[in-house]
Amino acid sequence: MMLEPNVIVLYVDDMAITSQFYQDLLGIKPIDASIDFHSFILSNGMNLALKAKHSVVPQTEVKGGNGELAFALDDHKKVDELFATCQAKGISIIFPTSQVPFGYTFVALDPDGHRLRVVSLGQSS
């Protein structure tokens, strides 16, 4: 049996703020929303869930930034467009658009410090 992850759970400090952030970013509303848990089903079948940090069992002290949620786009122009949108919305950018060995990318942070990498794989044409 091969295990394939289909849910990513991010621990958050303020559910209302972070849920609204992802609603704006993803353009969808959560399909499940309680005080301590919100769940977004993405078009590719992945489930992005938010869990209130205070309700996690066993408790955790892990902060955002220990990994990345990556969004692969078709081309560099789309990366530039999303970068401009993030800047206009005041989203924290920790790495501006740059060509790196694996592609064209930038990195932003959500309200809890989780890294959001946007990338177009490969070199510019």
PDB file of N, CA and C in Angstrom:
ATOM      1  N   MET A   1       0.846  -1.187   0.000  1.00  0.00           N
ATOM      2  CA  MET A   1       0.000   0.000   0.000  1.00  0.00           C
ATOM      3  C   MET A   1       0.884   1.240   0.000  1.00  0.00           C
ATOM      4  N   MET A   2       0.594   2.158  -0.896  1.00  0.00           N
ATOM      5  CA  MET A   2       1.332   3.417  -0.950  1.00  0.00           C
ATOM      6  C   MET A   2       0.496   4.513  -0.300  1.00  0.00           C
ATOM      7  N   LEU A   3       1.078   5.185   0.672  1.00  0.00           N
ATOM      8  CA  LEU A   3       0.388   6.294   1.320  1.00  0.00           C
ATOM      9  C   LEU A   3       0.609   7.572   0.531  1.00  0.00           C
ATOM     10  N   GLU A   4      -0.454   8.286   0.278  1.00  0.00           N
ATOM     11  CA  GLU A   4      -0.378   9.559  -0.431  1.00  0.00           C
ATOM     12  C   GLU A   4      -1.071  10.622   0.399  1.00  0.00           C
ATOM     13  N   PRO A   5      -0.308  11.589   0.915  1.00  0.00           N
ATOM     14  CA  PRO A   5      -0.945  12.645   1.705  1.00  0.00           C
ATOM     15  C   PRO A   5      -1.983  13.391   0.873  1.00  0.00           C
ATOM     16  N   ASN A   6      -3.123  13.669   1.486  1.00  0.00           N
ATOM     17  CA  ASN A   6      -4.149  14.439   0.788  1.00  0.00           C
ATOM     18  C   ASN A   6      -4.708  15.566   1.650  1.00  0.00           C
ATOM     19  N   VAL A   7      -4.135  15.737   2.844  1.00  0.00           N
ATOM     20  CA  VAL A   7      -4.535  16.822   3.737  1.00  0.00           C
ATOM     21  C   VAL A   7      -3.277  17.471   4.310  1.00  0.00           C
ATOM     22  N   ILE A   8      -3.225  18.786   4.261  1.00  0.00           N
ATOM     23  CA  ILE A   8      -2.170  19.547   4.929  1.00  0.00           C
ATOM     24  C   ILE A   8      -2.861  20.358   6.011  1.00  0.00           C
ATOM     25  N   VAL A   9      -2.377  20.246   7.253  1.00  0.00           N
ATOM     26  CA  VAL A   9      -2.960  20.984   8.368  1.00  0.00           C
ATOM     27  C   VAL A   9      -1.943  22.007   8.858  1.00  0.00           C
ATOM     28  N   LEU A  10      -2.345  23.270   8.864  1.00  0.00           N
ATOM     29  CA  LEU A  10      -1.505  24.342   9.385  1.00  0.00           C
ATOM     30  C   LEU A  10      -2.072  24.784  10.725  1.00  0.00           C
ATOM     31  N   TYR A  11      -1.214  24.888  11.741  1.00  0.00           N
ATOM     32  CA  TYR A  11      -1.642  25.368  13.051  1.00  0.00           C
ATOM     33  C   TYR A  11      -1.616  26.887  13.048  1.00  0.00           C
ATOM     34  N   VAL A  12      -2.694  27.497  13.538  1.00  0.00           N
ATOM     35  CA  VAL A  12      -2.835  28.949  13.464  1.00  0.00           C
ATOM     36  C   VAL A  12      -3.170  29.550  14.821  1.00  0.00           C
ATOM     37  N   ASP A  13      -2.744  30.793  15.011  1.00  0.00           N
ATOM     38  CA  ASP A  13      -3.018  31.507  16.261  1.00  0.00           C
ATOM     39  C   ASP A  13      -4.397  32.155  16.263  1.00  0.00           C
ATOM     40  N   ASP A  14      -4.802  32.731  15.152  1.00  0.00           N
ATOM     41  CA  ASP A  14      -6.083  33.436  15.081  1.00  0.00           C
ATOM     42  C   ASP A  14      -6.857  32.913  13.876  1.00  0.00           C
ATOM     43  N   MET A  15      -7.828  32.038  14.138  1.00  0.00           N
ATOM     44  CA  MET A  15      -8.566  31.371  13.063  1.00  0.00           C
ATOM     45  C   MET A  15      -9.240  32.370  12.133  1.00  0.00           C
ATOM     46  N   ALA A  16      -9.874  33.392  12.668  1.00  0.00           N
ATOM     47  CA  ALA A  16     -10.608  34.344  11.825  1.00  0.00           C
ATOM     48  C   ALA A  16      -9.677  35.047  10.843  1.00  0.00           C
ATOM     49  N   ILE A  17      -8.549  35.530  11.333  1.00  0.00           N
ATOM     50  CA  ILE A  17      -7.607  36.258  10.472  1.00  0.00           C
ATOM     51  C   ILE A  17      -7.007  35.338   9.419  1.00  0.00           C
ATOM     52  N   THR A  18      -6.533  34.154   9.850  1.00  0.00           N
ATOM     53  CA  THR A  18      -5.864  33.259   8.904  1.00  0.00           C
ATOM     54  C   THR A  18      -6.851  32.650   7.918  1.00  0.00           C
ATOM     55  N   SER A  19      -8.049  32.310   8.362  1.00  0.00           N
ATOM     56  CA  SER A  19      -9.048  31.775   7.440  1.00  0.00           C
ATOM     57  C   SER A  19      -9.410  32.812   6.378  1.00  0.00           C
ATOM     58  N   GLN A  20      -9.584  34.047   6.782  1.00  0.00           N
ATOM     59  CA  GLN A  20      -9.897  35.100   5.802  1.00  0.00           C
ATOM     60  C   GLN A  20      -8.737  35.292   4.823  1.00  0.00           C
ATOM     61  N   PHE A  21      -7.499  35.210   5.318  1.00  0.00           N
ATOM     62  CA  PHE A  21      -6.317  35.308   4.463  1.00  0.00           C
ATOM     63  C   PHE A  21      -6.381  34.248   3.360  1.00  0.00           C
ATOM     64  N   TYR A  22      -6.651  32.976   3.741  1.00  0.00           N
ATOM     65  CA  TYR A  22      -6.687  31.901   2.752  1.00  0.00           C
ATOM     66  C   TYR A  22      -7.927  31.988   1.861  1.00  0.00           C
ATOM     67  N   GLN A  23      -9.040  32.475   2.365  1.00  0.00           N
ATOM     68  CA  GLN A  23     -10.206  32.687   1.505  1.00  0.00           C
ATOM     69  C   GLN A  23      -9.869  33.690   0.409  1.00  0.00           C
ATOM     70  N   ASP A  24      -9.188  34.772   0.781  1.00  0.00           N
ATOM     71  CA  ASP A  24      -8.788  35.786  -0.199  1.00  0.00           C
ATOM     72  C   ASP A  24      -7.744  35.240  -1.168  1.00  0.00           C
ATOM     73  N   LEU A  25      -6.763  34.501  -0.654  1.00  0.00           N
ATOM     74  CA  LEU A  25      -5.683  33.968  -1.489  1.00  0.00           C
ATOM     75  C   LEU A  25      -6.193  32.908  -2.464  1.00  0.00           C
ATOM     76  N   LEU A  26      -6.993  31.970  -1.964  1.00  0.00           N
ATOM     77  CA  LEU A  26      -7.442  30.837  -2.768  1.00  0.00           C
ATOM     78  C   LEU A  26      -8.709  31.131  -3.571  1.00  0.00           C
ATOM     79  N   GLY A  27      -9.455  32.143  -3.167  1.00  0.00           N
ATOM     80  CA  GLY A  27     -10.695  32.472  -3.858  1.00  0.00           C
ATOM     81  C   GLY A  27     -11.830  31.501  -3.567  1.00  0.00           C
ATOM     82  N   ILE A  28     -11.762  30.794  -2.434  1.00  0.00           N
ATOM     83  CA  ILE A  28     -12.818  29.856  -2.042  1.00  0.00           C
ATOM     84  C   ILE A  28     -13.102  30.006  -0.554  1.00  0.00           C
ATOM     85  N   LYS A  29     -14.254  29.496  -0.153  1.00  0.00           N
ATOM     86  CA  LYS A  29     -14.634  29.498   1.257  1.00  0.00           C
ATOM     87  C   LYS A  29     -14.382  28.107   1.833  1.00  0.00           C
ATOM     88  N   PRO A  30     -14.181  28.007   3.147  1.00  0.00           N
ATOM     89  CA  PRO A  30     -13.987  26.681   3.739  1.00  0.00           C
ATOM     90  C   PRO A  30     -15.263  25.846   3.625  1.00  0.00           C
ATOM     91  N   ILE A  31     -15.100  24.534   3.390  1.00  0.00           N
ATOM     92  CA  ILE A  31     -16.265  23.650   3.325  1.00  0.00           C
ATOM     93  C   ILE A  31     -16.683  23.209   4.719  1.00  0.00           C
ATOM     94  N   ASP A  32     -15.763  23.306   5.644  1.00  0.00           N
ATOM     95  CA  ASP A  32     -16.019  22.940   7.034  1.00  0.00           C
ATOM     96  C   ASP A  32     -15.436  24.061   7.880  1.00  0.00           C
ATOM     97  N   ALA A  33     -16.245  24.644   8.737  1.00  0.00           N
ATOM     98  CA  ALA A  33     -15.752  25.756   9.545  1.00  0.00           C
ATOM     99  C   ALA A  33     -16.353  25.674  10.945  1.00  0.00           C
ATOM    100  N   SER A  34     -15.484  25.428  11.922  1.00  0.00           N
ATOM    101  CA  SER A  34     -15.893  25.456  13.320  1.00  0.00           C
ATOM    102  C   SER A  34     -14.990  26.463  14.027  1.00  0.00           C
ATOM    103  N   ILE A  35     -15.136  26.589  15.299  1.00  0.00           N
ATOM    104  CA  ILE A  35     -14.321  27.548  16.047  1.00  0.00           C
ATOM    105  C   ILE A  35     -12.832  27.238  15.916  1.00  0.00           C
ATOM    106  N   ASP A  36     -12.476  25.956  15.945  1.00  0.00           N
ATOM    107  CA  ASP A  36     -11.068  25.551  15.976  1.00  0.00           C
ATOM    108  C   ASP A  36     -10.554  24.910  14.693  1.00  0.00           C
ATOM    109  N   PHE A  37     -11.381  24.785  13.649  1.00  0.00           N
ATOM    110  CA  PHE A  37     -10.962  24.050  12.459  1.00  0.00           C
ATOM    111  C   PHE A  37     -11.691  24.583  11.230  1.00  0.00           C
ATOM    112  N   HIS A  38     -10.928  24.876  10.172  1.00  0.00           N
ATOM    113  CA  HIS A  38     -11.490  25.250   8.870  1.00  0.00           C
ATOM    114  C   HIS A  38     -10.805  24.394   7.814  1.00  0.00           C
ATOM    115  N   SER A  39     -11.571  23.969   6.817  1.00  0.00           N
ATOM    116  CA  SER A  39     -11.045  23.084   5.785  1.00  0.00           C
ATOM    117  C   SER A  39     -11.408  23.607   4.400  1.00  0.00           C
ATOM    118  N   PHE A  40     -10.397  23.724   3.540  1.00  0.00           N
ATOM    119  CA  PHE A  40     -10.577  24.177   2.159  1.00  0.00           C
ATOM    120  C   PHE A  40     -10.262  23.011   1.220  1.00  0.00           C
ATOM    121  N   ILE A  41     -11.181  22.664   0.337  1.00  0.00           N
ATOM    122  CA  ILE A  41     -10.911  21.642  -0.669  1.00  0.00           C
ATOM    123  C   ILE A  41     -10.471  22.356  -1.942  1.00  0.00           C
ATOM    124  N   LEU A  42      -9.259  22.057  -2.383  1.00  0.00           N
ATOM    125  CA  LEU A  42      -8.695  22.695  -3.572  1.00  0.00           C
ATOM    126  C   LEU A  42      -9.108  21.934  -4.827  1.00  0.00           C
ATOM    127  N   SER A  43      -9.018  22.564  -5.973  1.00  0.00           N
ATOM    128  CA  SER A  43      -9.470  21.957  -7.230  1.00  0.00           C
ATOM    129  C   SER A  43      -8.684  20.701  -7.598  1.00  0.00           C
ATOM    130  N   ASN A  44      -7.470  20.552  -7.064  1.00  0.00           N
ATOM    131  CA  ASN A  44      -6.675  19.353  -7.347  1.00  0.00           C
ATOM    132  C   ASN A  44      -6.966  18.217  -6.370  1.00  0.00           C
ATOM    133  N   GLY A  45      -7.947  18.408  -5.468  1.00  0.00           N
ATOM    134  CA  GLY A  45      -8.322  17.373  -4.515  1.00  0.00           C
ATOM    135  C   GLY A  45      -7.643  17.482  -3.161  1.00  0.00           C
ATOM    136  N   MET A  46      -6.615  18.292  -3.084  1.00  0.00           N
ATOM    137  CA  MET A  46      -5.914  18.480  -1.809  1.00  0.00           C
ATOM    138  C   MET A  46      -6.817  19.219  -0.834  1.00  0.00           C
ATOM    139  N   ASN A  47      -6.709  18.855   0.434  1.00  0.00           N
ATOM    140  CA  ASN A  47      -7.454  19.522   1.499  1.00  0.00           C
ATOM    141  C   ASN A  47      -6.459  20.342   2.311  1.00  0.00           C
ATOM    142  N   LEU A  48      -6.652  21.653   2.337  1.00  0.00           N
ATOM    143  CA  LEU A  48      -5.835  22.537   3.165  1.00  0.00           C
ATOM    144  C   LEU A  48      -6.663  22.873   4.393  1.00  0.00           C
ATOM    145  N   ALA A  49      -6.190  22.435   5.555  1.00  0.00           N
ATOM    146  CA  ALA A  49      -6.938  22.636   6.792  1.00  0.00           C
ATOM    147  C   ALA A  49      -6.185  23.574   7.725  1.00  0.00           C
ATOM    148  N   LEU A  50      -6.944  24.349   8.467  1.00  0.00           N
ATOM    149  CA  LEU A  50      -6.402  25.239   9.492  1.00  0.00           C
ATOM    150  C   LEU A  50      -6.913  24.745  10.833  1.00  0.00           C
ATOM    151  N   LYS A  51      -6.009  24.596  11.792  1.00  0.00           N
ATOM    152  CA  LYS A  51      -6.363  24.117  13.134  1.00  0.00           C
ATOM    153  C   LYS A  51      -5.864  25.126  14.145  1.00  0.00           C
ATOM    154  N   ALA A  52      -6.747  25.544  15.054  1.00  0.00           N
ATOM    155  CA  ALA A  52      -6.350  26.479  16.101  1.00  0.00           C
ATOM    156  C   ALA A  52      -5.259  25.838  16.958  1.00  0.00           C
ATOM    157  N   LYS A  53      -4.125  26.528  17.067  1.00  0.00           N
ATOM    158  CA  LYS A  53      -2.966  25.974  17.765  1.00  0.00           C
ATOM    159  C   LYS A  53      -3.300  25.556  19.196  1.00  0.00           C
ATOM    160  N   HIS A  54      -4.144  26.321  19.873  1.00  0.00           N
ATOM    161  CA  HIS A  54      -4.467  26.014  21.269  1.00  0.00           C
ATOM    162  C   HIS A  54      -5.251  24.712  21.416  1.00  0.00           C
ATOM    163  N   SER A  55      -5.830  24.197  20.319  1.00  0.00           N
ATOM    164  CA  SER A  55      -6.643  22.984  20.395  1.00  0.00           C
ATOM    165  C   SER A  55      -5.910  21.730  19.921  1.00  0.00           C
ATOM    166  N   VAL A  56      -4.650  21.849  19.540  1.00  0.00           N
ATOM    167  CA  VAL A  56      -3.888  20.711  19.026  1.00  0.00           C
ATOM    168  C   VAL A  56      -3.538  19.759  20.175  1.00  0.00           C
ATOM    169  N   VAL A  57      -3.784  18.459  19.944  1.00  0.00           N
ATOM    170  CA  VAL A  57      -3.435  17.420  20.909  1.00  0.00           C
ATOM    171  C   VAL A  57      -2.575  16.405  20.184  1.00  0.00           C
ATOM    172  N   PRO A  58      -1.366  16.099  20.700  1.00  0.00           N
ATOM    173  CA  PRO A  58      -0.712  16.750  21.829  1.00  0.00           C
ATOM    174  C   PRO A  58      -0.291  18.174  21.459  1.00  0.00           C
ATOM    175  N   GLN A  59      -0.129  18.998  22.458  1.00  0.00           N
ATOM    176  CA  GLN A  59       0.225  20.401  22.244  1.00  0.00           C
ATOM    177  C   GLN A  59       1.527  20.532  21.467  1.00  0.00           C
ATOM    178  N   THR A  60       1.648  21.641  20.762  1.00  0.00           N
ATOM    179  CA  THR A  60       2.854  21.907  19.985  1.00  0.00           C
ATOM    180  C   THR A  60       3.318  23.338  20.209  1.00  0.00           C
ATOM    181  N   GLU A  61       4.609  23.520  20.102  1.00  0.00           N
ATOM    182  CA  GLU A  61       5.190  24.864  20.185  1.00  0.00           C
ATOM    183  C   GLU A  61       5.808  25.266  18.848  1.00  0.00           C
ATOM    184  N   VAL A  62       5.607  24.435  17.829  1.00  0.00           N
ATOM    185  CA  VAL A  62       6.172  24.698  16.511  1.00  0.00           C
ATOM    186  C   VAL A  62       5.559  25.966  15.937  1.00  0.00           C
ATOM    187  N   LYS A  63       6.400  26.797  15.352  1.00  0.00           N
ATOM    188  CA  LYS A  63       5.970  28.035  14.702  1.00  0.00           C
ATOM    189  C   LYS A  63       6.024  27.842  13.186  1.00  0.00           C
ATOM    190  N   GLY A  64       5.354  28.726  12.451  1.00  0.00           N
ATOM    191  CA  GLY A  64       5.399  28.673  10.994  1.00  0.00           C
ATOM    192  C   GLY A  64       6.817  28.875  10.486  1.00  0.00           C
ATOM    193  N   GLY A  65       7.056  28.498   9.250  1.00  0.00           N
ATOM    194  CA  GLY A  65       8.369  28.686   8.644  1.00  0.00           C
ATOM    195  C   GLY A  65       9.227  27.440   8.648  1.00  0.00           C
ATOM    196  N   ASN A  66       8.686  26.319   9.139  1.00  0.00           N
ATOM    197  CA  ASN A  66       9.450  25.075   9.177  1.00  0.00           C
ATOM    198  C   ASN A  66       9.288  24.258   7.904  1.00  0.00           C
ATOM    199  N   GLY A  67       8.613  24.800   6.948  1.00  0.00           N
ATOM    200  CA  GLY A  67       8.384  24.154   5.665  1.00  0.00           C
ATOM    201  C   GLY A  67       7.734  25.170   4.742  1.00  0.00           C
ATOM    202  N   GLU A  68       7.267  24.716   3.600  1.00  0.00           N
ATOM    203  CA  GLU A  68       6.642  25.625   2.640  1.00  0.00           C
ATOM    204  C   GLU A  68       5.393  24.993   2.052  1.00  0.00           C
ATOM    205  N   LEU A  69       4.416  25.814   1.803  1.00  0.00           N
ATOM    206  CA  LEU A  69       3.271  25.439   1.000  1.00  0.00           C
ATOM    207  C   LEU A  69       3.576  26.022  -0.376  1.00  0.00           C
ATOM    208  N   ALA A  70       3.734  25.157  -1.373  1.00  0.00           N
ATOM    209  CA  ALA A  70       4.185  25.622  -2.688  1.00  0.00           C
ATOM    210  C   ALA A  70       3.037  25.626  -3.695  1.00  0.00           C
ATOM    211  N   PHE A  71       3.020  26.668  -4.508  1.00  0.00           N
ATOM    212  CA  PHE A  71       2.031  26.832  -5.566  1.00  0.00           C
ATOM    213  C   PHE A  71       2.789  26.923  -6.887  1.00  0.00           C
ATOM    214  N   ALA A  72       2.721  25.878  -7.715  1.00  0.00           N
ATOM    215  CA  ALA A  72       3.411  25.867  -9.007  1.00  0.00           C
ATOM    216  C   ALA A  72       2.487  26.465 -10.066  1.00  0.00           C
ATOM    217  N   LEU A  73       2.979  27.472 -10.763  1.00  0.00           N
ATOM    218  CA  LEU A  73       2.221  28.135 -11.824  1.00  0.00           C
ATOM    219  C   LEU A  73       2.826  27.795 -13.179  1.00  0.00           C
ATOM    220  N   ASP A  74       2.048  28.040 -14.238  1.00  0.00           N
ATOM    221  CA  ASP A  74       2.454  27.642 -15.587  1.00  0.00           C
ATOM    222  C   ASP A  74       3.612  28.434 -16.168  1.00  0.00           C
ATOM    223  N   ASP A  75       3.697  29.722 -15.842  1.00  0.00           N
ATOM    224  CA  ASP A  75       4.755  30.517 -16.457  1.00  0.00           C
ATOM    225  C   ASP A  75       5.174  31.675 -15.557  1.00  0.00           C
ATOM    226  N   HIS A  76       6.271  32.285 -15.927  1.00  0.00           N
ATOM    227  CA  HIS A  76       6.861  33.362 -15.133  1.00  0.00           C
ATOM    228  C   HIS A  76       5.938  34.576 -15.020  1.00  0.00           C
ATOM    229  N   LYS A  77       5.179  34.846 -16.085  1.00  0.00           N
ATOM    230  CA  LYS A  77       4.274  36.000 -16.068  1.00  0.00           C
ATOM    231  C   LYS A  77       3.236  35.855 -14.954  1.00  0.00           C
ATOM    232  N   LYS A  78       2.722  34.644 -14.757  1.00  0.00           N
ATOM    233  CA  LYS A  78       1.735  34.407 -13.698  1.00  0.00           C
ATOM    234  C   LYS A  78       2.358  34.600 -12.319  1.00  0.00           C
ATOM    235  N   VAL A  79       3.634  34.238 -12.185  1.00  0.00           N
ATOM    236  CA  VAL A  79       4.346  34.472 -10.920  1.00  0.00           C
ATOM    237  C   VAL A  79       4.423  35.976 -10.665  1.00  0.00           C
ATOM    238  N   ASP A  80       4.806  36.734 -11.691  1.00  0.00           N
ATOM    239  CA  ASP A  80       4.886  38.195 -11.548  1.00  0.00           C
ATOM    240  C   ASP A  80       3.530  38.804 -11.197  1.00  0.00           C
ATOM    241  N   GLU A  81       2.468  38.310 -11.831  1.00  0.00           N
ATOM    242  CA  GLU A  81       1.125  38.835 -11.559  1.00  0.00           C
ATOM    243  C   GLU A  81       0.707  38.566 -10.115  1.00  0.00           C
ATOM    244  N   LEU A  82       0.964  37.344  -9.628  1.00  0.00           N
ATOM    245  CA  LEU A  82       0.596  37.021  -8.253  1.00  0.00           C
ATOM    246  C   LEU A  82       1.466  37.781  -7.256  1.00  0.00           C
ATOM    247  N   PHE A  83       2.729  37.984  -7.605  1.00  0.00           N
ATOM    248  CA  PHE A  83       3.616  38.783  -6.754  1.00  0.00           C
ATOM    249  C   PHE A  83       3.056  40.198  -6.594  1.00  0.00           C
ATOM    250  N   ALA A  84       2.632  40.802  -7.701  1.00  0.00           N
ATOM    251  CA  ALA A  84       2.066  42.157  -7.656  1.00  0.00           C
ATOM    252  C   ALA A  84       0.784  42.179  -6.824  1.00  0.00           C
ATOM    253  N   THR A  85      -0.040  41.157  -6.958  1.00  0.00           N
ATOM    254  CA  THR A  85      -1.275  41.066  -6.169  1.00  0.00           C
ATOM    255  C   THR A  85      -0.958  40.968  -4.684  1.00  0.00           C
ATOM    256  N   CYS A  86       0.007  40.128  -4.333  1.00  0.00           N
ATOM    257  CA  CYS A  86       0.400  39.981  -2.923  1.00  0.00           C
ATOM    258  C   CYS A  86       0.927  41.297  -2.364  1.00  0.00           C
ATOM    259  N   GLN A  87       1.749  41.983  -3.138  1.00  0.00           N
ATOM    260  CA  GLN A  87       2.263  43.283  -2.690  1.00  0.00           C
ATOM    261  C   GLN A  87       1.121  44.268  -2.471  1.00  0.00           C
ATOM    262  N   ALA A  88       0.177  44.312  -3.400  1.00  0.00           N
ATOM    263  CA  ALA A  88      -0.948  45.246  -3.302  1.00  0.00           C
ATOM    264  C   ALA A  88      -1.818  44.959  -2.080  1.00  0.00           C
ATOM    265  N   LYS A  89      -1.893  43.688  -1.682  1.00  0.00           N
ATOM    266  CA  LYS A  89      -2.692  43.307  -0.513  1.00  0.00           C
ATOM    267  C   LYS A  89      -1.917  43.446   0.792  1.00  0.00           C
ATOM    268  N   GLY A  90      -0.642  43.827   0.703  1.00  0.00           N
ATOM    269  CA  GLY A  90       0.159  43.994   1.905  1.00  0.00           C
ATOM    270  C   GLY A  90       0.636  42.692   2.518  1.00  0.00           C
ATOM    271  N   ILE A  91       0.658  41.623   1.734  1.00  0.00           N
ATOM    272  CA  ILE A  91       1.145  40.329   2.225  1.00  0.00           C
ATOM    273  C   ILE A  91       2.658  40.409   2.386  1.00  0.00           C
ATOM    274  N   SER A  92       3.146  39.893   3.490  1.00  0.00           N
ATOM    275  CA  SER A  92       4.580  39.932   3.784  1.00  0.00           C
ATOM    276  C   SER A  92       5.360  39.086   2.779  1.00  0.00           C
ATOM    277  N   ILE A  93       6.307  39.707   2.096  1.00  0.00           N
ATOM    278  CA  ILE A  93       7.175  39.035   1.122  1.00  0.00           C
ATOM    279  C   ILE A  93       8.562  38.918   1.748  1.00  0.00           C
ATOM    280  N   ILE A  94       9.075  37.688   1.857  1.00  0.00           N
ATOM    281  CA  ILE A  94      10.413  37.517   2.445  1.00  0.00           C
ATOM    282  C   ILE A  94      11.476  37.210   1.397  1.00  0.00           C
ATOM    283  N   PHE A  95      11.049  36.915   0.166  1.00  0.00           N
ATOM    284  CA  PHE A  95      11.983  36.652  -0.927  1.00  0.00           C
ATOM    285  C   PHE A  95      11.303  37.121  -2.209  1.00  0.00           C
ATOM    286  N   PRO A  96      11.781  38.221  -2.804  1.00  0.00           N
ATOM    287  CA  PRO A  96      11.122  38.760  -3.998  1.00  0.00           C
ATOM    288  C   PRO A  96      11.344  37.862  -5.214  1.00  0.00           C
ATOM    289  N   THR A  97      10.623  38.148  -6.281  1.00  0.00           N
ATOM    290  CA  THR A  97      10.753  37.338  -7.490  1.00  0.00           C
ATOM    291  C   THR A  97      12.215  37.243  -7.906  1.00  0.00           C
ATOM    292  N   SER A  98      12.641  36.014  -8.135  1.00  0.00           N
ATOM    293  CA  SER A  98      14.037  35.732  -8.484  1.00  0.00           C
ATOM    294  C   SER A  98      14.112  34.456  -9.305  1.00  0.00           C
ATOM    295  N   GLN A  99      15.103  34.415 -10.195  1.00  0.00           N
ATOM    296  CA  GLN A  99      15.403  33.182 -10.908  1.00  0.00           C
ATOM    297  C   GLN A  99      16.386  32.406 -10.048  1.00  0.00           C
ATOM    298  N   VAL A 100      16.024  31.189  -9.667  1.00  0.00           N
ATOM    299  CA  VAL A 100      16.884  30.308  -8.877  1.00  0.00           C
ATOM    300  C   VAL A 100      17.083  29.033  -9.689  1.00  0.00           C
ATOM    301  N   PRO A 101      17.970  28.123  -9.269  1.00  0.00           N
ATOM    302  CA  PRO A 101      18.244  26.952 -10.098  1.00  0.00           C
ATOM    303  C   PRO A 101      17.014  26.128 -10.508  1.00  0.00           C
ATOM    304  N   PHE A 102      15.981  26.065  -9.676  1.00  0.00           N
ATOM    305  CA  PHE A 102      14.822  25.227  -9.998  1.00  0.00           C
ATOM    306  C   PHE A 102      13.681  25.977 -10.676  1.00  0.00           C
ATOM    307  N   GLY A 103      13.782  27.317 -10.776  1.00  0.00           N
ATOM    308  CA  GLY A 103      12.714  28.056 -11.435  1.00  0.00           C
ATOM    309  C   GLY A 103      12.651  29.510 -11.018  1.00  0.00           C
ATOM    310  N   TYR A 104      11.550  30.142 -11.359  1.00  0.00           N
ATOM    311  CA  TYR A 104      11.305  31.550 -11.065  1.00  0.00           C
ATOM    312  C   TYR A 104      10.325  31.595  -9.903  1.00  0.00           C
ATOM    313  N   THR A 105      10.681  32.310  -8.830  1.00  0.00           N
ATOM    314  CA  THR A 105       9.941  32.134  -7.593  1.00  0.00           C
ATOM    315  C   THR A 105       9.902  33.386  -6.733  1.00  0.00           C
ATOM    316  N   PHE A 106       8.974  33.399  -5.791  1.00  0.00           N
ATOM    317  CA  PHE A 106       9.005  34.326  -4.663  1.00  0.00           C
ATOM    318  C   PHE A 106       8.407  33.614  -3.459  1.00  0.00           C
ATOM    319  N   VAL A 107       8.686  34.142  -2.269  1.00  0.00           N
ATOM    320  CA  VAL A 107       8.177  33.535  -1.037  1.00  0.00           C
ATOM    321  C   VAL A 107       7.495  34.611  -0.200  1.00  0.00           C
ATOM    322  N   ALA A 108       6.277  34.302   0.218  1.00  0.00           N
ATOM    323  CA  ALA A 108       5.493  35.179   1.086  1.00  0.00           C
ATOM    324  C   ALA A 108       5.214  34.449   2.395  1.00  0.00           C
ATOM    325  N   LEU A 109       4.636  35.174   3.353  1.00  0.00           N
ATOM    326  CA  LEU A 109       4.252  34.578   4.633  1.00  0.00           C
ATOM    327  C   LEU A 109       2.767  34.781   4.868  1.00  0.00           C
ATOM    328  N   ASP A 110       2.128  33.764   5.456  1.00  0.00           N
ATOM    329  CA  ASP A 110       0.746  33.948   5.895  1.00  0.00           C
ATOM    330  C   ASP A 110       0.764  34.612   7.272  1.00  0.00           C
ATOM    331  N   PRO A 111      -0.379  34.920   7.862  1.00  0.00           N
ATOM    332  CA  PRO A 111      -0.382  35.628   9.148  1.00  0.00           C
ATOM    333  C   PRO A 111       0.313  34.891  10.295  1.00  0.00           C
ATOM    334  N   ASP A 112       0.493  33.567  10.163  1.00  0.00           N
ATOM    335  CA  ASP A 112       1.148  32.783  11.212  1.00  0.00           C
ATOM    336  C   ASP A 112       2.607  32.482  10.900  1.00  0.00           C
ATOM    337  N   GLY A 113       3.129  33.048   9.825  1.00  0.00           N
ATOM    338  CA  GLY A 113       4.529  32.835   9.469  1.00  0.00           C
ATOM    339  C   GLY A 113       4.788  31.597   8.636  1.00  0.00           C
ATOM    340  N   HIS A 114       3.733  30.927   8.134  1.00  0.00           N
ATOM    341  CA  HIS A 114       3.941  29.791   7.238  1.00  0.00           C
ATOM    342  C   HIS A 114       4.415  30.330   5.892  1.00  0.00           C
ATOM    343  N   ARG A 115       5.432  29.691   5.345  1.00  0.00           N
ATOM    344  CA  ARG A 115       5.993  30.124   4.066  1.00  0.00           C
ATOM    345  C   ARG A 115       5.122  29.666   2.909  1.00  0.00           C
ATOM    346  N   LEU A 116       4.884  30.578   1.981  1.00  0.00           N
ATOM    347  CA  LEU A 116       4.117  30.305   0.774  1.00  0.00           C
ATOM    348  C   LEU A 116       5.017  30.577  -0.418  1.00  0.00           C
ATOM    349  N   ARG A 117       5.453  29.514  -1.078  1.00  0.00           N
ATOM    350  CA  ARG A 117       6.327  29.670  -2.248  1.00  0.00           C
ATOM    351  C   ARG A 117       5.487  29.597  -3.512  1.00  0.00           C
ATOM    352  N   VAL A 118       5.658  30.573  -4.373  1.00  0.00           N
ATOM    353  CA  VAL A 118       5.030  30.582  -5.690  1.00  0.00           C
ATOM    354  C   VAL A 118       6.162  30.391  -6.685  1.00  0.00           C
ATOM    355  N   VAL A 119       5.983  29.443  -7.627  1.00  0.00           N
ATOM    356  CA  VAL A 119       7.091  29.101  -8.517  1.00  0.00           C
ATOM    357  C   VAL A 119       6.587  28.699  -9.898  1.00  0.00           C
ATOM    358  N   SER A 120       7.356  29.075 -10.892  1.00  0.00           N
ATOM    359  CA  SER A 120       7.225  28.545 -12.239  1.00  0.00           C
ATOM    360  C   SER A 120       8.512  27.766 -12.461  1.00  0.00           C
ATOM    361  N   LEU A 121       8.381  26.465 -12.632  1.00  0.00           N
ATOM    362  CA  LEU A 121       9.566  25.613 -12.717  1.00  0.00           C
ATOM    363  C   LEU A 121      10.322  25.838 -14.017  1.00  0.00           C
ATOM    364  N   GLY A 122      11.636  25.735 -13.954  1.00  0.00           N
ATOM    365  CA  GLY A 122      12.475  25.867 -15.128  1.00  0.00           C
ATOM    366  C   GLY A 122      12.995  27.276 -15.340  1.00  0.00           C
ATOM    367  N   GLN A 123      13.772  27.424 -16.378  1.00  0.00           N
ATOM    368  CA  GLN A 123      14.378  28.710 -16.718  1.00  0.00           C
ATOM    369  C   GLN A 123      13.429  29.517 -17.589  1.00  0.00           C
ATOM    370  N   SER A 124      13.627  30.825 -17.587  1.00  0.00           N
ATOM    371  CA  SER A 124      12.799  31.673 -18.451  1.00  0.00           C
ATOM    372  C   SER A 124      13.133  31.386 -19.906  1.00  0.00           C
ATOM    373  N   SER A 125      12.113  31.548 -20.749  1.00  0.00           N
ATOM    374  CA  SER A 125      12.334  31.249 -22.169  1.00  0.00           C
ATOM    375  C   SER A 125      12.444  32.488 -22.999  1.00  0.00           C
TER     376      SER A 125
END
